[in-house]
Amino acid sequence: MRVMGVDPGLTRCGVGIVEGSPGRPLALIDVTVVRTPHTDPLDARLTALDEALGLLVEQYQPEALAVERVFSQHNVRTVMGTAQAGAVAILAAGRRGIPVTLRTPSEVKAAITGSGRADKAQITAMITRLLRLSAPVKPADAADALALAITEIWRGGAEARIAAAMTSSSSQLPTAHRARDGGNRRKGVEAAR
């Protein structure tokens, strides 16, 4: 499975493409940081980000996209920029029919390191090890994007299979339940006779 992870940001948007499957070695396909100058108007920055992400999606043809879920920060302006950049990434995938998953930072940290409270250095060290890289990925936005992609490879497929199984079993449940229930009622009726 090929997954594109996106660590959204207006100034620096990390993008990592990883290929692999659970229990198998992972392969780094590409990693980059899309940058937009903070001096440019917002519409120009969002347009540049949209064009860059669209090109990356077209070039690498990911099967899924994982985007970091925006969470509350003290700086509202930073949150807004991050949310806007995340929306651009979701739109780039949506235009092409690529499924998108939003992942929280603590969920990604837990998947990669085993601890939802891991720091940037721990994440980077694990990414370096998991992808068998000769040097740590820099900047942190790039490492975070790779962590998102790896988390989606490891968890996304399993979550999709569980959801499909739940949907399948819930659609079969009423029929099976009625059959069991009907049989119990007949036994009760026969016992009452």
N, C-alpha and C. Protein backbone atom coordinates (compact mmCIF):
# COMPACT_ATOMS: atom_id res chain seq x y z
N MET A 1 0.85 -1.17 0.00
CA MET A 1 0.00 0.00 0.00
C MET A 1 0.89 1.24 0.00
N ARG A 2 0.54 2.21 -0.82
CA ARG A 2 1.30 3.46 -0.88
C ARG A 2 0.46 4.55 -0.22
N VAL A 3 1.06 5.23 0.76
CA VAL A 3 0.35 6.26 1.52
C VAL A 3 1.14 7.55 1.52
N MET A 4 0.41 8.65 1.37
CA MET A 4 1.01 9.97 1.49
C MET A 4 0.58 10.54 2.84
N GLY A 5 1.56 10.90 3.64
CA GLY A 5 1.29 11.56 4.91
C GLY A 5 1.52 13.05 4.75
N VAL A 6 0.65 13.86 5.35
CA VAL A 6 0.76 15.31 5.24
C VAL A 6 0.71 15.92 6.63
N ASP A 7 1.79 16.61 6.98
CA ASP A 7 1.86 17.39 8.22
C ASP A 7 1.56 18.83 7.81
N PRO A 8 0.30 19.27 7.93
CA PRO A 8 -0.10 20.54 7.31
C PRO A 8 0.49 21.77 7.99
N GLY A 9 0.77 22.74 7.17
CA GLY A 9 1.24 24.04 7.62
C GLY A 9 1.30 24.98 6.44
N LEU A 10 1.07 26.24 6.66
CA LEU A 10 1.13 27.20 5.57
C LEU A 10 2.56 27.56 5.20
N THR A 11 3.41 27.73 6.20
CA THR A 11 4.80 28.08 5.92
C THR A 11 5.60 26.84 5.51
N ARG A 12 5.40 25.74 6.25
CA ARG A 12 6.07 24.47 5.95
C ARG A 12 5.03 23.35 6.03
N CYS A 13 4.82 22.67 4.92
CA CYS A 13 3.88 21.54 4.88
C CYS A 13 4.69 20.29 4.56
N GLY A 14 4.85 19.42 5.53
CA GLY A 14 5.60 18.20 5.33
C GLY A 14 4.80 17.18 4.54
N VAL A 15 5.45 16.52 3.60
CA VAL A 15 4.80 15.49 2.78
C VAL A 15 5.74 14.29 2.71
N GLY A 16 5.22 13.13 3.08
CA GLY A 16 6.02 11.91 3.02
C GLY A 16 5.24 10.80 2.35
N ILE A 17 5.87 10.10 1.45
CA ILE A 17 5.23 8.98 0.75
C ILE A 17 5.98 7.71 1.12
N VAL A 18 5.22 6.75 1.66
CA VAL A 18 5.80 5.49 2.12
C VAL A 18 4.98 4.35 1.53
N GLU A 19 5.67 3.27 1.23
CA GLU A 19 5.00 2.09 0.70
C GLU A 19 5.29 0.92 1.63
N GLY A 20 4.31 0.08 1.83
CA GLY A 20 4.51 -1.09 2.68
C GLY A 20 3.20 -1.70 3.11
N SER A 21 3.30 -2.66 4.01
CA SER A 21 2.12 -3.30 4.58
C SER A 21 2.49 -3.76 5.99
N PRO A 22 1.48 -3.99 6.85
CA PRO A 22 1.77 -4.41 8.21
C PRO A 22 2.61 -5.69 8.24
N GLY A 23 3.64 -5.68 9.06
CA GLY A 23 4.49 -6.86 9.21
C GLY A 23 5.56 -7.01 8.14
N ARG A 24 5.61 -6.08 7.21
CA ARG A 24 6.60 -6.12 6.14
C ARG A 24 7.47 -4.88 6.20
N PRO A 25 8.67 -4.93 5.63
CA PRO A 25 9.52 -3.74 5.63
C PRO A 25 8.86 -2.59 4.86
N LEU A 26 9.10 -1.40 5.35
CA LEU A 26 8.58 -0.19 4.73
C LEU A 26 9.60 0.40 3.78
N ALA A 27 9.12 1.11 2.75
CA ALA A 27 10.03 1.74 1.80
C ALA A 27 9.70 3.22 1.68
N LEU A 28 10.71 4.05 1.83
CA LEU A 28 10.55 5.48 1.61
C LEU A 28 10.50 5.72 0.11
N ILE A 29 9.43 6.36 -0.34
CA ILE A 29 9.30 6.71 -1.76
C ILE A 29 9.80 8.13 -1.98
N ASP A 30 9.35 9.06 -1.14
CA ASP A 30 9.82 10.44 -1.23
C ASP A 30 9.41 11.18 0.03
N VAL A 31 10.13 12.22 0.30
CA VAL A 31 9.79 13.11 1.41
C VAL A 31 10.21 14.52 1.02
N THR A 32 9.35 15.48 1.31
CA THR A 32 9.64 16.86 0.95
C THR A 32 8.88 17.79 1.89
N VAL A 33 9.23 19.05 1.81
CA VAL A 33 8.50 20.08 2.55
C VAL A 33 8.10 21.15 1.53
N VAL A 34 6.81 21.40 1.43
CA VAL A 34 6.30 22.45 0.56
C VAL A 34 6.30 23.73 1.38
N ARG A 35 6.96 24.74 0.87
CA ARG A 35 7.07 26.01 1.60
C ARG A 35 6.36 27.13 0.85
N THR A 36 5.72 28.01 1.64
CA THR A 36 5.16 29.23 1.06
C THR A 36 5.63 30.41 1.89
N PRO A 37 6.00 31.50 1.25
CA PRO A 37 6.50 32.66 1.99
C PRO A 37 5.39 33.31 2.84
N HIS A 38 5.72 33.59 4.08
CA HIS A 38 4.73 34.19 4.97
C HIS A 38 4.34 35.61 4.53
N THR A 39 5.13 36.19 3.63
CA THR A 39 4.83 37.53 3.15
C THR A 39 3.79 37.53 2.03
N ASP A 40 3.53 36.37 1.43
CA ASP A 40 2.54 36.29 0.35
C ASP A 40 1.12 36.35 0.93
N PRO A 41 0.17 36.82 0.14
CA PRO A 41 -1.22 36.83 0.60
C PRO A 41 -1.73 35.39 0.79
N LEU A 42 -2.71 35.23 1.66
CA LEU A 42 -3.24 33.91 1.99
C LEU A 42 -3.71 33.15 0.76
N ASP A 43 -4.43 33.82 -0.13
CA ASP A 43 -4.94 33.11 -1.31
C ASP A 43 -3.80 32.58 -2.18
N ALA A 44 -2.73 33.32 -2.30
CA ALA A 44 -1.58 32.87 -3.09
C ALA A 44 -0.90 31.69 -2.41
N ARG A 45 -0.81 31.72 -1.09
CA ARG A 45 -0.17 30.62 -0.37
C ARG A 45 -0.99 29.34 -0.49
N LEU A 46 -2.31 29.45 -0.35
CA LEU A 46 -3.17 28.28 -0.45
C LEU A 46 -3.16 27.72 -1.88
N THR A 47 -3.13 28.60 -2.86
CA THR A 47 -3.06 28.17 -4.26
C THR A 47 -1.75 27.44 -4.53
N ALA A 48 -0.65 27.98 -4.05
CA ALA A 48 0.66 27.34 -4.25
C ALA A 48 0.69 25.97 -3.57
N LEU A 49 0.13 25.88 -2.38
CA LEU A 49 0.07 24.61 -1.66
C LEU A 49 -0.80 23.61 -2.41
N ASP A 50 -1.93 24.07 -2.90
CA ASP A 50 -2.84 23.21 -3.66
C ASP A 50 -2.14 22.66 -4.91
N GLU A 51 -1.45 23.51 -5.63
CA GLU A 51 -0.75 23.07 -6.84
C GLU A 51 0.35 22.07 -6.52
N ALA A 52 1.13 22.35 -5.48
CA ALA A 52 2.23 21.45 -5.11
C ALA A 52 1.70 20.09 -4.65
N LEU A 53 0.69 20.09 -3.79
CA LEU A 53 0.14 18.82 -3.30
C LEU A 53 -0.53 18.05 -4.43
N GLY A 54 -1.21 18.76 -5.33
CA GLY A 54 -1.84 18.11 -6.47
C GLY A 54 -0.81 17.42 -7.35
N LEU A 55 0.31 18.09 -7.58
CA LEU A 55 1.39 17.49 -8.39
C LEU A 55 1.97 16.25 -7.71
N LEU A 56 2.16 16.32 -6.41
CA LEU A 56 2.71 15.17 -5.67
C LEU A 56 1.75 13.98 -5.71
N VAL A 57 0.46 14.26 -5.56
CA VAL A 57 -0.54 13.19 -5.62
C VAL A 57 -0.54 12.56 -7.02
N GLU A 58 -0.49 13.39 -8.04
CA GLU A 58 -0.47 12.88 -9.42
C GLU A 58 0.80 12.07 -9.68
N GLN A 59 1.93 12.56 -9.19
CA GLN A 59 3.20 11.89 -9.44
C GLN A 59 3.29 10.54 -8.74
N TYR A 60 2.87 10.48 -7.47
CA TYR A 60 3.09 9.27 -6.68
C TYR A 60 1.88 8.35 -6.56
N GLN A 61 0.70 8.81 -6.96
CA GLN A 61 -0.51 7.99 -6.97
C GLN A 61 -0.72 7.21 -5.66
N PRO A 62 -0.82 7.89 -4.53
CA PRO A 62 -1.04 7.17 -3.27
C PRO A 62 -2.43 6.52 -3.24
N GLU A 63 -2.53 5.45 -2.49
CA GLU A 63 -3.82 4.77 -2.32
C GLU A 63 -4.61 5.37 -1.17
N ALA A 64 -3.92 6.09 -0.31
CA ALA A 64 -4.57 6.73 0.84
C ALA A 64 -3.75 7.95 1.24
N LEU A 65 -4.41 8.86 1.92
CA LEU A 65 -3.76 10.07 2.41
C LEU A 65 -4.04 10.18 3.90
N ALA A 66 -3.03 10.44 4.70
CA ALA A 66 -3.18 10.64 6.14
C ALA A 66 -2.75 12.06 6.47
N VAL A 67 -3.63 12.80 7.12
CA VAL A 67 -3.38 14.19 7.46
C VAL A 67 -3.44 14.34 8.98
N GLU A 68 -2.51 15.13 9.52
CA GLU A 68 -2.55 15.37 10.96
C GLU A 68 -3.78 16.19 11.30
N ARG A 69 -4.51 15.71 12.29
CA ARG A 69 -5.72 16.40 12.74
C ARG A 69 -5.29 17.64 13.54
N VAL A 70 -5.91 18.74 13.22
CA VAL A 70 -5.61 19.99 13.92
C VAL A 70 -6.22 19.92 15.30
N PHE A 71 -5.43 20.29 16.28
CA PHE A 71 -5.93 20.33 17.65
C PHE A 71 -5.68 21.71 18.22
N SER A 72 -6.27 21.97 19.35
CA SER A 72 -6.20 23.29 19.96
C SER A 72 -4.77 23.68 20.30
N GLN A 73 -4.42 24.88 19.91
CA GLN A 73 -3.13 25.46 20.27
C GLN A 73 -3.41 26.83 20.85
N HIS A 74 -2.41 27.42 21.46
CA HIS A 74 -2.59 28.74 22.07
C HIS A 74 -2.69 29.83 21.02
N ASN A 75 -2.03 29.66 19.91
CA ASN A 75 -2.01 30.68 18.87
C ASN A 75 -3.09 30.38 17.83
N VAL A 76 -4.18 31.13 17.87
CA VAL A 76 -5.31 30.91 16.97
C VAL A 76 -4.89 31.07 15.51
N ARG A 77 -4.02 32.00 15.24
CA ARG A 77 -3.57 32.22 13.87
C ARG A 77 -2.85 30.99 13.32
N THR A 78 -2.03 30.36 14.14
CA THR A 78 -1.33 29.14 13.74
C THR A 78 -2.33 28.01 13.48
N VAL A 79 -3.33 27.88 14.35
CA VAL A 79 -4.35 26.84 14.19
C VAL A 79 -5.09 27.04 12.88
N MET A 80 -5.46 28.28 12.59
CA MET A 80 -6.19 28.57 11.35
C MET A 80 -5.36 28.20 10.12
N GLY A 81 -4.10 28.59 10.10
CA GLY A 81 -3.22 28.27 8.97
C GLY A 81 -3.05 26.77 8.80
N THR A 82 -2.89 26.07 9.91
CA THR A 82 -2.73 24.61 9.88
C THR A 82 -4.01 23.95 9.36
N ALA A 83 -5.15 24.42 9.84
CA ALA A 83 -6.44 23.87 9.39
C ALA A 83 -6.65 24.13 7.90
N GLN A 84 -6.31 25.33 7.45
CA GLN A 84 -6.47 25.65 6.03
C GLN A 84 -5.56 24.77 5.17
N ALA A 85 -4.33 24.58 5.59
CA ALA A 85 -3.40 23.73 4.84
C ALA A 85 -3.89 22.28 4.84
N GLY A 86 -4.42 21.83 5.96
CA GLY A 86 -4.97 20.48 6.03
C GLY A 86 -6.14 20.30 5.09
N ALA A 87 -6.98 21.32 5.02
CA ALA A 87 -8.14 21.26 4.11
C ALA A 87 -7.70 21.20 2.65
N VAL A 88 -6.63 21.90 2.31
CA VAL A 88 -6.11 21.85 0.94
C VAL A 88 -5.64 20.43 0.62
N ALA A 89 -4.97 19.78 1.56
CA ALA A 89 -4.51 18.40 1.35
C ALA A 89 -5.69 17.46 1.18
N ILE A 90 -6.71 17.63 2.01
CA ILE A 90 -7.91 16.78 1.92
C ILE A 90 -8.59 16.99 0.56
N LEU A 91 -8.65 18.23 0.12
CA LEU A 91 -9.24 18.54 -1.17
C LEU A 91 -8.46 17.91 -2.32
N ALA A 92 -7.13 17.96 -2.24
CA ALA A 92 -6.29 17.35 -3.29
C ALA A 92 -6.59 15.86 -3.41
N ALA A 93 -6.79 15.19 -2.29
CA ALA A 93 -7.13 13.76 -2.32
C ALA A 93 -8.57 13.56 -2.78
N GLY A 94 -9.47 14.36 -2.25
CA GLY A 94 -10.89 14.21 -2.59
C GLY A 94 -11.17 14.37 -4.07
N ARG A 95 -10.48 15.28 -4.72
CA ARG A 95 -10.65 15.48 -6.16
C ARG A 95 -10.31 14.23 -6.95
N ARG A 96 -9.46 13.40 -6.38
CA ARG A 96 -8.98 12.22 -7.10
C ARG A 96 -9.56 10.92 -6.52
N GLY A 97 -10.50 11.04 -5.61
CA GLY A 97 -11.15 9.86 -5.03
C GLY A 97 -10.27 9.05 -4.10
N ILE A 98 -9.27 9.69 -3.51
CA ILE A 98 -8.36 9.00 -2.60
C ILE A 98 -8.89 9.13 -1.18
N PRO A 99 -9.03 8.02 -0.45
CA PRO A 99 -9.53 8.11 0.92
C PRO A 99 -8.55 8.86 1.82
N VAL A 100 -9.12 9.62 2.75
CA VAL A 100 -8.34 10.45 3.68
C VAL A 100 -8.66 10.05 5.11
N THR A 101 -7.62 9.96 5.92
CA THR A 101 -7.77 9.71 7.35
C THR A 101 -7.12 10.86 8.10
N LEU A 102 -7.79 11.34 9.13
CA LEU A 102 -7.21 12.35 10.02
C LEU A 102 -6.69 11.64 11.25
N ARG A 103 -5.47 11.92 11.63
CA ARG A 103 -4.83 11.27 12.78
C ARG A 103 -4.33 12.32 13.75
N THR A 104 -4.55 12.08 15.04
CA THR A 104 -4.07 13.01 16.05
C THR A 104 -2.57 12.80 16.27
N PRO A 105 -1.88 13.84 16.72
CA PRO A 105 -0.45 13.68 17.01
C PRO A 105 -0.18 12.56 18.02
N SER A 106 -0.99 12.46 19.07
CA SER A 106 -0.72 11.42 20.07
C SER A 106 -0.97 10.02 19.51
N GLU A 107 -1.93 9.88 18.61
CA GLU A 107 -2.18 8.59 17.96
C GLU A 107 -0.97 8.17 17.12
N VAL A 108 -0.39 9.13 16.39
CA VAL A 108 0.78 8.84 15.56
C VAL A 108 1.99 8.51 16.44
N LYS A 109 2.20 9.29 17.49
CA LYS A 109 3.31 9.04 18.40
C LYS A 109 3.21 7.64 18.99
N ALA A 110 2.01 7.26 19.42
CA ALA A 110 1.81 5.94 20.02
C ALA A 110 2.07 4.83 19.00
N ALA A 111 1.64 5.02 17.78
CA ALA A 111 1.85 4.00 16.74
C ALA A 111 3.33 3.84 16.42
N ILE A 112 4.05 4.94 16.36
CA ILE A 112 5.45 4.91 15.93
C ILE A 112 6.39 4.51 17.07
N THR A 113 6.16 5.05 18.26
CA THR A 113 7.10 4.82 19.36
C THR A 113 6.55 3.96 20.50
N GLY A 114 5.25 3.78 20.53
CA GLY A 114 4.64 3.06 21.65
C GLY A 114 4.21 3.98 22.77
N SER A 115 4.49 5.27 22.64
CA SER A 115 4.09 6.24 23.66
C SER A 115 3.46 7.46 22.99
N GLY A 116 2.26 7.80 23.44
CA GLY A 116 1.56 8.97 22.91
C GLY A 116 2.19 10.28 23.34
N ARG A 117 3.21 10.20 24.19
CA ARG A 117 3.88 11.42 24.68
C ARG A 117 5.31 11.54 24.17
N ALA A 118 5.63 10.80 23.14
CA ALA A 118 6.99 10.83 22.60
C ALA A 118 7.32 12.23 22.08
N ASP A 119 8.62 12.57 22.15
CA ASP A 119 9.03 13.89 21.64
C ASP A 119 9.50 13.76 20.20
N LYS A 120 9.81 14.91 19.60
CA LYS A 120 10.23 14.94 18.19
C LYS A 120 11.46 14.08 17.93
N ALA A 121 12.42 14.10 18.86
CA ALA A 121 13.64 13.32 18.68
C ALA A 121 13.34 11.82 18.64
N GLN A 122 12.44 11.36 19.50
CA GLN A 122 12.07 9.95 19.52
C GLN A 122 11.36 9.53 18.22
N ILE A 123 10.48 10.39 17.74
CA ILE A 123 9.77 10.12 16.48
C ILE A 123 10.78 10.01 15.35
N THR A 124 11.66 11.00 15.26
CA THR A 124 12.65 11.03 14.19
C THR A 124 13.55 9.79 14.25
N ALA A 125 13.98 9.40 15.44
CA ALA A 125 14.83 8.22 15.58
C ALA A 125 14.11 6.96 15.09
N MET A 126 12.84 6.83 15.43
CA MET A 126 12.09 5.64 15.00
C MET A 126 11.84 5.65 13.49
N ILE A 127 11.56 6.81 12.94
CA ILE A 127 11.36 6.92 11.49
C ILE A 127 12.64 6.49 10.76
N THR A 128 13.78 6.97 11.27
CA THR A 128 15.08 6.63 10.68
C THR A 128 15.29 5.12 10.71
N ARG A 129 14.95 4.52 11.81
CA ARG A 129 15.12 3.08 11.98
C ARG A 129 14.14 2.28 11.13
N LEU A 130 12.86 2.67 11.16
CA LEU A 130 11.83 1.93 10.43
C LEU A 130 12.04 1.96 8.91
N LEU A 131 12.53 3.09 8.42
CA LEU A 131 12.75 3.23 6.98
C LEU A 131 14.18 2.90 6.58
N ARG A 132 14.99 2.48 7.55
CA ARG A 132 16.39 2.08 7.32
C ARG A 132 17.16 3.18 6.59
N LEU A 133 17.07 4.39 7.14
CA LEU A 133 17.73 5.55 6.54
C LEU A 133 19.13 5.71 7.13
N SER A 134 20.02 6.29 6.38
CA SER A 134 21.38 6.51 6.86
C SER A 134 21.49 7.74 7.75
N ALA A 135 20.52 8.65 7.65
CA ALA A 135 20.53 9.87 8.47
C ALA A 135 19.10 10.24 8.82
N PRO A 136 18.92 10.92 9.94
CA PRO A 136 17.56 11.35 10.32
C PRO A 136 16.97 12.32 9.30
N VAL A 137 15.66 12.23 9.14
CA VAL A 137 14.94 13.13 8.24
C VAL A 137 14.77 14.48 8.92
N LYS A 138 15.07 15.54 8.17
CA LYS A 138 14.89 16.90 8.68
C LYS A 138 14.20 17.71 7.61
N PRO A 139 13.42 18.70 7.96
CA PRO A 139 13.04 19.14 9.30
C PRO A 139 11.96 18.24 9.91
N ALA A 140 11.51 18.61 11.10
CA ALA A 140 10.53 17.81 11.83
C ALA A 140 9.23 17.64 11.04
N ASP A 141 8.87 18.63 10.23
CA ASP A 141 7.64 18.53 9.43
C ASP A 141 7.71 17.33 8.49
N ALA A 142 8.86 17.08 7.92
CA ALA A 142 9.06 15.95 7.01
C ALA A 142 8.97 14.63 7.78
N ALA A 143 9.62 14.57 8.94
CA ALA A 143 9.57 13.35 9.76
C ALA A 143 8.14 13.07 10.22
N ASP A 144 7.41 14.12 10.59
CA ASP A 144 6.02 13.95 11.03
C ASP A 144 5.15 13.42 9.88
N ALA A 145 5.39 13.90 8.67
CA ALA A 145 4.63 13.42 7.51
C ALA A 145 4.89 11.93 7.28
N LEU A 146 6.14 11.51 7.41
CA LEU A 146 6.46 10.09 7.26
C LEU A 146 5.81 9.26 8.37
N ALA A 147 5.80 9.79 9.58
CA ALA A 147 5.15 9.10 10.70
C ALA A 147 3.65 8.92 10.43
N LEU A 148 3.02 9.93 9.86
CA LEU A 148 1.61 9.82 9.50
C LEU A 148 1.39 8.72 8.46
N ALA A 149 2.23 8.69 7.45
CA ALA A 149 2.10 7.68 6.40
C ALA A 149 2.28 6.27 6.97
N ILE A 150 3.28 6.09 7.82
CA ILE A 150 3.53 4.77 8.41
C ILE A 150 2.37 4.35 9.30
N THR A 151 1.85 5.28 10.09
CA THR A 151 0.71 4.97 10.95
C THR A 151 -0.48 4.51 10.12
N GLU A 152 -0.71 5.18 9.01
CA GLU A 152 -1.83 4.80 8.14
C GLU A 152 -1.62 3.42 7.55
N ILE A 153 -0.40 3.10 7.16
CA ILE A 153 -0.12 1.76 6.63
C ILE A 153 -0.40 0.71 7.70
N TRP A 154 0.07 0.96 8.91
CA TRP A 154 -0.09 -0.02 9.98
C TRP A 154 -1.51 -0.11 10.50
N ARG A 155 -2.16 1.02 10.67
CA ARG A 155 -3.48 1.02 11.30
C ARG A 155 -4.64 1.15 10.33
N GLY A 156 -4.43 1.88 9.25
CA GLY A 156 -5.52 2.16 8.31
C GLY A 156 -6.13 0.93 7.69
N GLY A 157 -5.30 0.03 7.24
CA GLY A 157 -5.81 -1.19 6.63
C GLY A 157 -6.60 -2.02 7.62
N ALA A 158 -6.08 -2.15 8.82
CA ALA A 158 -6.77 -2.92 9.85
C ALA A 158 -8.10 -2.26 10.22
N GLU A 159 -8.10 -0.94 10.35
CA GLU A 159 -9.33 -0.22 10.68
C GLU A 159 -10.37 -0.39 9.58
N ALA A 160 -9.94 -0.35 8.33
CA ALA A 160 -10.87 -0.52 7.21
C ALA A 160 -11.46 -1.93 7.21
N ARG A 161 -10.62 -2.93 7.49
CA ARG A 161 -11.13 -4.31 7.53
C ARG A 161 -12.11 -4.50 8.69
N ILE A 162 -11.82 -3.89 9.83
CA ILE A 162 -12.73 -3.99 10.98
C ILE A 162 -14.06 -3.32 10.65
N ALA A 163 -13.99 -2.13 10.05
CA ALA A 163 -15.22 -1.41 9.69
C ALA A 163 -16.04 -2.22 8.69
N ALA A 164 -15.37 -2.82 7.71
CA ALA A 164 -16.08 -3.63 6.72
C ALA A 164 -16.71 -4.85 7.38
N ALA A 165 -15.99 -5.48 8.29
CA ALA A 165 -16.52 -6.64 9.00
C ALA A 165 -17.71 -6.26 9.86
N MET A 166 -17.62 -5.11 10.51
CA MET A 166 -18.73 -4.64 11.36
C MET A 166 -19.96 -4.35 10.50
N THR A 167 -19.75 -3.73 9.36
CA THR A 167 -20.86 -3.43 8.46
C THR A 167 -21.48 -4.72 7.95
N SER A 168 -20.62 -5.65 7.57
CA SER A 168 -21.09 -6.94 7.05
C SER A 168 -21.85 -7.71 8.12
N SER A 169 -21.29 -7.78 9.32
CA SER A 169 -21.94 -8.56 10.37
C SER A 169 -23.21 -7.88 10.86
N SER A 170 -23.25 -6.54 10.88
CA SER A 170 -24.46 -5.87 11.34
C SER A 170 -25.58 -6.01 10.32
N SER A 171 -25.25 -6.12 9.04
CA SER A 171 -26.29 -6.32 8.04
C SER A 171 -26.84 -7.74 8.10
N GLN A 172 -26.05 -8.67 8.61
CA GLN A 172 -26.50 -10.05 8.73
C GLN A 172 -27.15 -10.31 10.09
N LEU A 173 -26.90 -9.46 11.06
CA LEU A 173 -27.38 -9.68 12.41
C LEU A 173 -28.90 -9.78 12.51
N PRO A 174 -29.66 -8.88 11.92
CA PRO A 174 -31.11 -8.98 12.09
C PRO A 174 -31.67 -10.32 11.59
N THR A 175 -31.20 -10.83 10.48
CA THR A 175 -31.68 -12.11 9.95
C THR A 175 -31.34 -13.24 10.90
N ALA A 176 -30.09 -13.30 11.32
CA ALA A 176 -29.66 -14.36 12.24
C ALA A 176 -30.39 -14.23 13.57
N HIS A 177 -30.55 -13.00 14.04
CA HIS A 177 -31.23 -12.78 15.32
C HIS A 177 -32.69 -13.21 15.23
N ARG A 178 -33.36 -12.87 14.14
CA ARG A 178 -34.76 -13.25 13.98
C ARG A 178 -34.88 -14.77 13.93
N ALA A 179 -33.95 -15.42 13.25
CA ALA A 179 -34.02 -16.88 13.16
C ALA A 179 -33.88 -17.51 14.54
N ARG A 180 -32.93 -17.01 15.32
CA ARG A 180 -32.75 -17.55 16.68
C ARG A 180 -33.96 -17.23 17.54
N ASP A 181 -34.42 -16.00 17.48
CA ASP A 181 -35.53 -15.56 18.30
C ASP A 181 -36.80 -16.34 17.94
N GLY A 182 -37.04 -16.52 16.65
CA GLY A 182 -38.21 -17.26 16.20
C GLY A 182 -38.19 -18.69 16.71
N GLY A 183 -37.03 -19.28 16.69
CA GLY A 183 -36.90 -20.65 17.18
C GLY A 183 -37.19 -20.73 18.66
N ASN A 184 -36.77 -19.74 19.43
CA ASN A 184 -37.02 -19.74 20.87
C ASN A 184 -38.49 -19.55 21.16
N ARG A 185 -39.16 -18.72 20.37
CA ARG A 185 -40.59 -18.51 20.58
C ARG A 185 -41.37 -19.79 20.32
N ARG A 186 -40.97 -20.51 19.26
CA ARG A 186 -41.67 -21.77 18.96
C ARG A 186 -41.50 -22.76 20.10
N LYS A 187 -40.29 -22.83 20.64
CA LYS A 187 -40.06 -23.76 21.75
C LYS A 187 -40.92 -23.39 22.92
N GLY A 188 -41.01 -22.06 23.17
CA GLY A 188 -41.83 -21.59 24.29
C GLY A 188 -43.31 -21.91 24.06
N VAL A 189 -43.76 -21.78 22.82
CA VAL A 189 -45.16 -22.07 22.50
C VAL A 189 -45.43 -23.56 22.69
N GLU A 190 -44.48 -24.41 22.20
CA GLU A 190 -44.65 -25.84 22.33
C GLU A 190 -44.63 -26.26 23.80
N ALA A 191 -43.78 -25.62 24.59
CA ALA A 191 -43.70 -25.96 26.01
C ALA A 191 -44.98 -25.57 26.72
N ALA A 192 -45.62 -24.50 26.28
CA ALA A 192 -46.83 -24.04 26.93
C ALA A 192 -48.01 -24.96 26.61
N ARG A 193 -47.93 -25.68 25.49
CA ARG A 193 -49.05 -26.55 25.10
C ARG A 193 -49.06 -27.71 25.99
